Amino acid sequence: MKIPMSSPDLTDAERQAVNDVINTPILSMGTHTPAFEQTFCRLTGAKHALAVNSGTAGLHLCVRAAGIGPGDLVITTPFSFVASTNALLFENAVPIFVDVDPQTGNIDPQQVADAATKIQKYLPRRAPFDLSASTVKALLPVDVFGQPAEMDTLNAVARQHGLTVIEDSCEALGATYKGRQAGTLGDYGVFAFYPNKQITTGEGGMIITSADKAADFMRALRNQGRAPGDTWLSHTYLGYNYRLDEMSAALGAVQMTRLDELLSKREQVAGWYAERLAEVPGIELPYVAPATSRMSWFVYVIRLAAKIDRAAFAKRLEARGVPVRPYFVPIHTQPYMMERFDWREGDFPVTEDLGRRGLAVPFSGVMSEEQVEYVCQAIRAELF
C-alpha cells in the first residue's frame, strides 16, 4: 500500500464552482472574492476580511500595516515555517526569537515577557543595523500545528509594552482558544489555504482585523497600492500583486460551507492515530493544552525518543510506502538566518529538541481507517 502524505478534501460542489467561474469572462476582481471574505467575517466576527494569494502575503501586509520597518524588533518564535519570519525580513525588521513550550511547541509566554523587558539579552549576535536605539514594535506568535498559542498571557504582555499582535493562524483555521476563534486573538490574524490545510484554495490566504484604517491600507497594498479613489493606473502606495483570483475564491467559499465537516473528519483521523499509537514505546503523541477548546488538526506530528535515529527510521517507513517529514527545521538554523544574524545551534534548545525529534506522518481528512492502521503497523514494525 502507498499512502499519500496529504490530500485535499474536494467534492463535485467545489469543482462545479470553479467551472462556473471559468465559464465567465471575470477571472479576477469579481464577486466571488468578497463573498469568500464574508464567510470569514461570519465565522470570526471580524469587521474586515481580506483575501490574498498566500498566507505569507497576508503576514507581510500585516507587518506593513503595523508600521514595522528597518531595524524594528519583533518578538516571535523559531519553531515555525519560515514564512512567519520572512514576512519580517521583507521589511528589514529584526526577529527576536524566544524559545517555545516543550509540550505544545508554541511560543513561551514567560520568555516573551522577559524579552519585552530585557531586550538586550535577546538580541542576535549580528544584525544588518545598529540596534542600540531599536525598540520592540510587535509580537508575532504562531498557532503551531493547529493549536492556538497562549494568547491571553501574550496579549497581557503586549498591552503592557504597547506591542501590536499579529497572530499567525495559517495552520489553525477553526481552532478555538477558550471558546474564541483562532485568528481573532490579536490585532491581526492570518490564515492560509495550501492543499494540506483545513480548507484549500490551491494557494491563498486571508487576513482578518477590525481596524478600519489598517484594512483599507492593506486592501490598497494587495492591489499594487491602488487606494480608494485612485483611477485604474493611479497608485497612492508602493504595493504588490497579492490578490486572490476568482477561481480560488469560489473554491474557498464552498470549502467554508463544509468547514465543520472538514474539521470533524480530521479530528477522527487524529483520533485513530491516538488510539493506535498511545502505548507504543519511544513515541510521544501530540499534546492538546487545556485552553485549546477545539484543536484544528493541520498535521499529525509524533515525537520520537532521542535514542531513535529519525533519518534511518524515516527511510525504513518510506520503503514501506509511508512518507514522513521532519517538522520543523528550526528557523534560526536555516543557512540564511545563521549568515544574517549569527544564530547558532544551541541558542534555542527546546525548539531544537522538537525539531530533531518531530516527525509528521501521513494525514488528511480523507484518510481511511485502513490507511491509518497501515501507517501505525509500519511504525510499530520499524521501531523494534
Protein backbone atom coordinates (compact mmCIF):
# COMPACT_ATOMS: atom_id res chain seq x y z
CA MET A 1 0.00 0.00 0.00
CA LYS A 2 1.27 3.51 -0.89
CA ILE A 3 -0.05 6.26 1.38
CA PRO A 4 -0.08 9.92 0.25
CA MET A 5 1.43 12.44 2.68
CA SER A 6 -1.68 14.59 2.40
CA SER A 7 -4.71 15.03 0.13
CA PRO A 8 -7.25 17.84 -0.28
CA ASP A 9 -10.88 17.06 0.52
CA LEU A 10 -12.85 18.19 -2.54
CA THR A 11 -16.32 17.36 -3.82
CA ASP A 12 -18.23 17.96 -7.03
CA ALA A 13 -19.59 21.18 -5.48
CA GLU A 14 -16.09 22.71 -5.39
CA ARG A 15 -15.34 21.53 -8.92
CA GLN A 16 -18.61 22.99 -10.20
CA ALA A 17 -17.94 26.32 -8.51
CA VAL A 18 -14.55 26.62 -10.19
CA ASN A 19 -16.00 25.54 -13.54
CA ASP A 20 -18.75 28.15 -13.26
CA VAL A 21 -16.14 30.90 -12.88
CA ILE A 22 -14.09 29.61 -15.81
CA ASN A 23 -17.20 29.92 -17.97
CA THR A 24 -17.38 33.66 -17.31
CA PRO A 25 -15.08 36.45 -18.55
CA ILE A 26 -14.28 37.60 -14.99
CA LEU A 27 -11.41 35.56 -13.55
CA SER A 28 -10.07 38.21 -11.17
CA MET A 29 -11.51 41.06 -9.06
CA GLY A 30 -15.09 39.82 -9.38
CA THR A 31 -17.84 38.96 -6.89
CA HIS A 32 -16.51 35.64 -5.61
CA THR A 33 -13.62 37.16 -3.65
CA PRO A 34 -15.76 39.45 -1.47
CA ALA A 35 -18.24 36.59 -0.96
CA PHE A 36 -15.38 34.38 0.25
CA GLU A 37 -14.21 37.17 2.55
CA GLN A 38 -17.66 37.45 4.11
CA THR A 39 -17.54 33.80 5.17
CA PHE A 40 -14.61 34.72 7.41
CA CYS A 41 -16.34 37.75 8.85
CA ARG A 42 -19.26 35.50 9.78
CA LEU A 43 -17.03 32.80 11.27
CA THR A 44 -14.80 35.09 13.31
CA GLY A 45 -16.88 38.19 13.94
CA ALA A 46 -14.08 40.30 12.48
CA LYS A 47 -15.14 43.54 10.82
CA HIS A 48 -12.83 43.02 7.84
CA ALA A 49 -11.53 40.02 5.92
CA LEU A 50 -9.07 40.43 3.06
CA ALA A 51 -8.34 37.56 0.68
CA VAL A 52 -4.77 37.33 -0.57
CA ASN A 53 -2.79 34.89 -2.67
CA SER A 54 -0.92 33.24 0.23
CA GLY A 55 -0.59 33.24 3.98
CA THR A 56 2.87 34.73 3.51
CA ALA A 57 1.37 37.67 1.61
CA GLY A 58 -1.14 38.11 4.43
CA LEU A 59 1.57 38.21 7.08
CA HIS A 60 3.59 40.68 5.01
CA LEU A 61 0.64 43.05 4.66
CA CYS A 62 0.03 42.89 8.41
CA VAL A 63 3.67 43.78 9.02
CA ARG A 64 3.28 46.79 6.74
CA ALA A 65 0.00 47.81 8.37
CA ALA A 66 1.63 47.64 11.80
CA GLY A 67 4.24 50.16 10.68
CA ILE A 68 7.11 47.74 11.17
CA GLY A 69 10.22 48.78 9.27
CA PRO A 70 14.02 48.62 9.11
CA GLY A 71 15.64 47.84 12.44
CA ASP A 72 12.35 47.41 14.33
CA LEU A 73 12.28 44.43 16.68
CA VAL A 74 9.53 41.81 16.64
CA ILE A 75 9.33 39.03 19.20
CA THR A 76 8.50 35.73 17.54
CA THR A 77 9.18 32.01 17.51
CA PRO A 78 11.93 30.00 15.80
CA PHE A 79 9.67 26.91 15.77
CA SER A 80 7.56 27.63 12.70
CA PHE A 81 7.50 27.53 8.93
CA VAL A 82 9.94 30.17 7.65
CA ALA A 83 7.16 32.43 6.31
CA SER A 84 6.40 33.83 9.77
CA THR A 85 9.93 35.25 9.97
CA ASN A 86 10.34 36.02 6.26
CA ALA A 87 7.44 38.46 6.45
CA LEU A 88 9.51 40.49 8.92
CA LEU A 89 12.69 40.28 6.86
CA PHE A 90 10.84 41.61 3.80
CA GLU A 91 10.65 44.93 5.68
CA ASN A 92 14.15 44.62 7.17
CA ALA A 93 12.77 44.17 10.66
CA VAL A 94 14.73 42.05 13.11
CA PRO A 95 13.13 38.90 14.53
CA ILE A 96 13.74 38.47 18.24
CA PHE A 97 13.42 34.76 18.87
CA VAL A 98 12.39 33.23 22.16
CA ASP A 99 12.08 29.53 22.87
CA VAL A 100 8.87 27.52 22.96
CA ASP A 101 6.78 25.42 25.29
CA PRO A 102 8.08 21.83 25.19
CA GLN A 103 4.58 20.32 25.10
CA THR A 104 2.73 22.46 22.55
CA GLY A 105 5.65 23.88 20.56
CA ASN A 106 4.02 27.31 20.83
CA ILE A 107 5.94 30.40 21.91
CA ASP A 108 6.68 30.51 25.64
CA PRO A 109 4.77 33.45 27.21
CA GLN A 110 7.18 33.77 30.13
CA GLN A 111 10.12 34.18 27.78
CA VAL A 112 8.13 36.69 25.75
CA ALA A 113 7.56 38.71 28.91
CA ASP A 114 11.25 38.52 29.75
CA ALA A 115 12.29 39.58 26.25
CA ALA A 116 9.90 42.52 26.29
CA THR A 117 11.56 43.90 29.42
CA LYS A 118 15.17 42.76 28.85
CA ILE A 119 15.51 43.06 25.11
CA GLN A 120 19.30 43.38 25.07
CA LYS A 121 19.55 39.83 26.40
CA TYR A 122 17.68 38.51 23.32
CA LEU A 123 19.31 40.47 20.51
CA PRO A 124 21.06 38.42 17.81
CA ARG A 125 24.84 38.43 17.75
CA ARG A 126 24.85 40.19 14.42
CA ALA A 127 22.31 42.33 12.58
CA PRO A 128 22.23 44.43 9.39
CA PHE A 129 21.51 47.51 11.53
CA ASP A 130 22.76 49.21 14.66
CA LEU A 131 20.16 48.04 17.15
CA SER A 132 21.21 50.26 20.05
CA ALA A 133 18.20 52.55 19.55
CA SER A 134 15.78 49.91 18.24
CA THR A 135 12.56 49.18 20.08
CA VAL A 136 10.19 46.24 20.19
CA LYS A 137 7.24 47.08 17.95
CA ALA A 138 5.25 43.86 17.77
CA LEU A 139 4.68 40.29 18.81
CA LEU A 140 4.11 37.57 16.20
CA PRO A 141 3.01 34.27 17.78
CA VAL A 142 2.26 31.21 15.67
CA ASP A 143 -0.57 28.73 16.30
CA VAL A 144 1.63 25.69 15.71
CA PHE A 145 0.12 22.58 14.07
CA GLY A 146 -3.43 23.91 14.58
CA GLN A 147 -3.22 24.75 18.30
CA PRO A 148 -3.62 28.38 19.44
CA ALA A 149 -0.79 29.93 21.39
CA GLU A 150 -1.39 31.03 25.00
CA MET A 151 -2.91 34.26 23.77
CA ASP A 152 -4.37 35.74 26.96
CA THR A 153 -0.95 35.86 28.59
CA LEU A 154 0.70 37.05 25.38
CA ASN A 155 -1.84 39.83 24.93
CA ALA A 156 -1.30 40.98 28.51
CA VAL A 157 2.42 41.34 27.79
CA ALA A 158 1.65 43.15 24.53
CA ARG A 159 -0.67 45.63 26.26
CA GLN A 160 1.89 46.31 28.96
CA HIS A 161 4.55 47.18 26.39
CA GLY A 162 2.39 48.70 23.66
CA LEU A 163 3.03 45.95 21.11
CA THR A 164 0.94 45.14 18.05
CA VAL A 165 -0.03 41.46 17.95
CA ILE A 166 -0.04 39.64 14.60
CA GLU A 167 -1.48 36.15 15.13
CA ASP A 168 -0.19 33.67 12.58
CA SER A 169 -3.10 31.24 12.39
CA CYS A 170 -2.07 29.88 9.00
CA GLU A 171 -2.19 26.36 10.45
CA ALA A 172 -5.17 26.83 12.73
CA LEU A 173 -8.36 27.71 10.87
CA GLY A 174 -11.32 26.65 13.01
CA ALA A 175 -9.33 26.13 16.20
CA THR A 176 -10.70 27.77 19.32
CA TYR A 177 -8.94 29.10 22.41
CA LYS A 178 -11.18 29.25 25.48
CA GLY A 179 -14.12 29.28 23.06
CA ARG A 180 -12.73 32.06 20.87
CA GLN A 181 -11.75 31.59 17.23
CA ALA A 182 -8.07 31.41 16.38
CA GLY A 183 -7.02 34.43 14.35
CA THR A 184 -9.25 36.76 16.37
CA LEU A 185 -6.96 36.88 19.39
CA GLY A 186 -4.59 39.66 18.26
CA ASP A 187 -4.79 42.90 16.31
CA TYR A 188 -4.49 40.95 13.05
CA GLY A 189 -4.97 37.28 12.19
CA VAL A 190 -3.83 35.39 9.11
CA PHE A 191 -4.99 32.05 7.66
CA ALA A 192 -3.58 30.04 4.75
CA PHE A 193 -5.12 27.59 2.28
CA TYR A 194 -2.36 25.44 0.80
CA PRO A 195 -3.69 22.00 -0.29
CA ASN A 196 -2.74 20.31 3.00
CA LYS A 197 -4.60 22.88 5.11
CA GLN A 198 -8.05 22.55 6.72
CA ILE A 199 -9.60 24.21 3.68
CA THR A 200 -7.82 24.82 0.41
CA THR A 201 -7.96 27.26 -2.46
CA GLY A 202 -4.85 25.75 -4.06
CA GLU A 203 -2.81 28.72 -2.93
CA GLY A 204 -4.28 31.55 -0.92
CA GLY A 205 -4.70 33.26 2.41
CA MET A 206 -6.96 35.54 4.46
CA ILE A 207 -6.32 38.45 6.80
CA ILE A 208 -8.87 39.37 9.46
CA THR A 209 -8.95 42.55 11.52
CA SER A 210 -11.40 45.03 12.95
CA ALA A 211 -9.12 48.02 12.36
CA ASP A 212 -10.71 50.16 9.63
CA LYS A 213 -7.68 52.19 8.52
CA ALA A 214 -5.39 49.20 8.51
CA ALA A 215 -7.88 47.20 6.44
CA ASP A 216 -8.16 49.99 3.85
CA PHE A 217 -4.37 50.25 3.69
CA MET A 218 -3.89 46.51 3.22
CA ARG A 219 -6.60 46.40 0.52
CA ALA A 220 -4.66 49.04 -1.36
CA LEU A 221 -1.33 47.29 -0.91
CA ARG A 222 -2.61 43.94 -2.20
CA ASN A 223 -3.74 45.69 -5.39
CA GLN A 224 -0.48 47.38 -6.41
CA GLY A 225 -1.01 50.23 -3.94
CA ARG A 226 -4.24 51.46 -5.53
CA ALA A 227 -6.14 53.30 -2.80
CA PRO A 228 -9.88 54.10 -2.76
CA GLY A 229 -10.48 56.90 -5.25
CA ASP A 230 -7.43 56.08 -7.37
CA THR A 231 -8.05 55.62 -11.07
CA TRP A 232 -7.10 52.41 -12.88
CA LEU A 233 -3.44 53.40 -13.35
CA SER A 234 -3.04 55.59 -10.25
CA HIS A 235 -1.21 54.19 -7.23
CA THR A 236 -1.02 56.01 -3.91
CA TYR A 237 1.31 53.49 -2.28
CA LEU A 238 4.09 51.12 -3.21
CA GLY A 239 2.07 47.92 -3.35
CA TYR A 240 2.07 44.33 -4.52
CA ASN A 241 0.02 41.95 -6.59
CA TYR A 242 -1.25 39.92 -3.63
CA ARG A 243 -4.80 39.48 -4.94
CA LEU A 244 -6.64 36.15 -4.86
CA ASP A 245 -8.15 35.07 -8.19
CA GLU A 246 -11.85 34.32 -8.64
CA MET A 247 -11.46 30.57 -9.20
CA SER A 248 -9.64 30.19 -5.91
CA ALA A 249 -12.18 32.34 -4.10
CA ALA A 250 -15.09 30.30 -5.46
CA LEU A 251 -13.37 27.09 -4.37
CA GLY A 252 -12.73 28.53 -0.91
CA ALA A 253 -16.30 29.71 -0.44
CA VAL A 254 -17.62 26.18 -1.00
CA GLN A 255 -14.95 24.74 1.29
CA MET A 256 -16.06 27.15 4.02
CA THR A 257 -19.61 25.79 3.86
CA ARG A 258 -18.08 22.43 4.79
CA LEU A 259 -15.68 23.71 7.47
CA ASP A 260 -17.16 21.87 10.44
CA GLU A 261 -17.34 18.65 8.40
CA LEU A 262 -13.73 19.05 7.28
CA LEU A 263 -12.52 19.69 10.82
CA SER A 264 -14.51 16.75 12.20
CA LYS A 265 -13.04 14.36 9.63
CA ARG A 266 -9.54 15.48 10.56
CA GLU A 267 -10.38 15.04 14.25
CA GLN A 268 -11.47 11.48 13.50
CA VAL A 269 -8.21 10.65 11.74
CA ALA A 270 -6.23 12.17 14.62
CA GLY A 271 -8.27 10.01 16.99
CA TRP A 272 -7.45 6.86 15.03
CA TYR A 273 -3.76 7.67 15.29
CA ALA A 274 -4.02 8.37 19.01
CA GLU A 275 -5.78 5.05 19.66
CA ARG A 276 -3.17 3.04 17.80
CA LEU A 277 -0.01 4.83 18.91
CA ALA A 278 -0.85 5.65 22.52
CA GLU A 279 1.02 2.70 24.02
CA VAL A 280 3.90 2.47 21.56
CA PRO A 281 7.22 2.90 23.41
CA GLY A 282 9.51 5.57 22.02
CA ILE A 283 6.70 7.74 20.63
CA GLU A 284 5.24 10.90 22.14
CA LEU A 285 1.81 11.92 20.82
CA PRO A 286 0.62 15.49 20.19
CA TYR A 287 -0.39 17.38 23.32
CA VAL A 288 -3.59 19.43 23.42
CA ALA A 289 -3.49 22.21 26.02
CA PRO A 290 -6.45 22.74 28.39
CA ALA A 291 -7.05 26.22 26.91
CA THR A 292 -7.50 24.72 23.44
CA SER A 293 -11.26 24.26 23.32
CA ARG A 294 -11.01 22.92 19.77
CA MET A 295 -7.87 21.62 18.12
CA SER A 296 -7.81 22.22 14.37
CA TRP A 297 -5.67 19.33 13.18
CA PHE A 298 -3.36 20.59 10.46
CA VAL A 299 -0.74 17.84 10.60
CA TYR A 300 -0.19 14.91 12.93
CA VAL A 301 3.32 15.15 14.36
CA ILE A 302 4.72 12.47 16.61
CA ARG A 303 7.95 12.89 18.57
CA LEU A 304 10.50 10.12 18.70
CA ALA A 305 12.61 9.25 21.71
CA ALA A 306 16.03 10.87 21.47
CA LYS A 307 17.74 7.48 21.10
CA ILE A 308 15.88 6.71 17.84
CA ASP A 309 17.71 7.55 14.61
CA ARG A 310 14.97 9.58 12.91
CA ALA A 311 16.56 9.64 9.45
CA ALA A 312 17.06 5.87 9.38
CA PHE A 313 13.56 5.29 10.77
CA ALA A 314 12.05 7.57 8.12
CA LYS A 315 13.91 5.76 5.38
CA ARG A 316 12.54 2.42 6.53
CA LEU A 317 8.99 3.80 6.56
CA GLU A 318 9.42 5.24 3.07
CA ALA A 319 10.42 1.77 1.89
CA ARG A 320 7.03 0.54 3.16
CA GLY A 321 5.17 3.24 1.21
CA VAL A 322 4.72 5.53 4.23
CA PRO A 323 6.07 9.06 3.60
CA VAL A 324 7.07 11.10 6.65
CA ARG A 325 8.56 14.58 7.10
CA PRO A 326 10.62 16.31 9.85
CA TYR A 327 8.61 19.14 11.42
CA PHE A 328 10.01 21.82 11.78
CA VAL A 329 13.59 22.62 10.90
CA PRO A 330 14.16 25.50 13.37
CA ILE A 331 14.20 28.85 11.62
CA HIS A 332 17.33 30.10 13.37
CA THR A 333 19.30 27.17 11.91
CA GLN A 334 18.35 27.97 8.32
CA PRO A 335 21.52 28.98 6.41
CA TYR A 336 20.36 32.50 5.53
CA MET A 337 19.34 33.17 9.15
CA MET A 338 22.67 31.98 10.52
CA GLU A 339 24.51 34.11 7.98
CA ARG A 340 22.50 37.26 8.61
CA PHE A 341 22.14 37.14 12.40
CA ASP A 342 24.79 34.65 13.54
CA TRP A 343 22.25 32.43 15.24
CA ARG A 344 23.78 29.10 16.20
CA GLU A 345 22.72 25.65 17.17
CA GLY A 346 22.22 25.59 20.92
CA ASP A 347 20.62 29.05 21.06
CA PHE A 348 17.08 27.70 21.49
CA PRO A 349 17.35 24.22 22.99
CA VAL A 350 13.65 23.36 23.25
CA THR A 351 12.99 24.36 19.65
CA GLU A 352 15.99 22.36 18.52
CA ASP A 353 14.93 19.30 20.51
CA LEU A 354 11.44 19.39 18.98
CA GLY A 355 12.97 19.92 15.55
CA ARG A 356 15.22 16.89 15.97
CA ARG A 357 12.51 14.55 17.23
CA GLY A 358 9.36 15.67 15.37
CA LEU A 359 8.03 13.54 12.53
CA ALA A 360 4.87 14.29 10.57
CA VAL A 361 3.05 11.15 9.46
CA PRO A 362 0.54 10.95 6.56
CA PHE A 363 -2.51 12.99 7.46
CA SER A 364 -5.64 14.36 5.83
CA GLY A 365 -9.38 14.30 6.32
CA VAL A 366 -9.80 11.80 3.50
CA MET A 367 -7.59 9.13 5.04
CA SER A 368 -9.37 5.85 5.73
CA GLU A 369 -9.08 3.91 8.95
CA GLU A 370 -7.41 1.16 6.94
CA GLN A 371 -4.70 3.59 5.79
CA VAL A 372 -4.13 4.83 9.35
CA GLU A 373 -3.86 1.23 10.55
CA TYR A 374 -1.28 0.50 7.82
CA VAL A 375 0.82 3.52 8.84
CA CYS A 376 0.68 2.58 12.51
CA GLN A 377 1.58 -1.05 11.80
CA ALA A 378 4.60 0.17 9.81
CA ILE A 379 5.65 2.45 12.66
CA ARG A 380 5.42 -0.33 15.21
CA ALA A 381 7.26 -2.80 12.96
CA GLU A 382 10.14 -0.43 12.17
CA LEU A 383 10.63 0.84 15.72
CA PHE A 384 11.53 -2.58 17.07
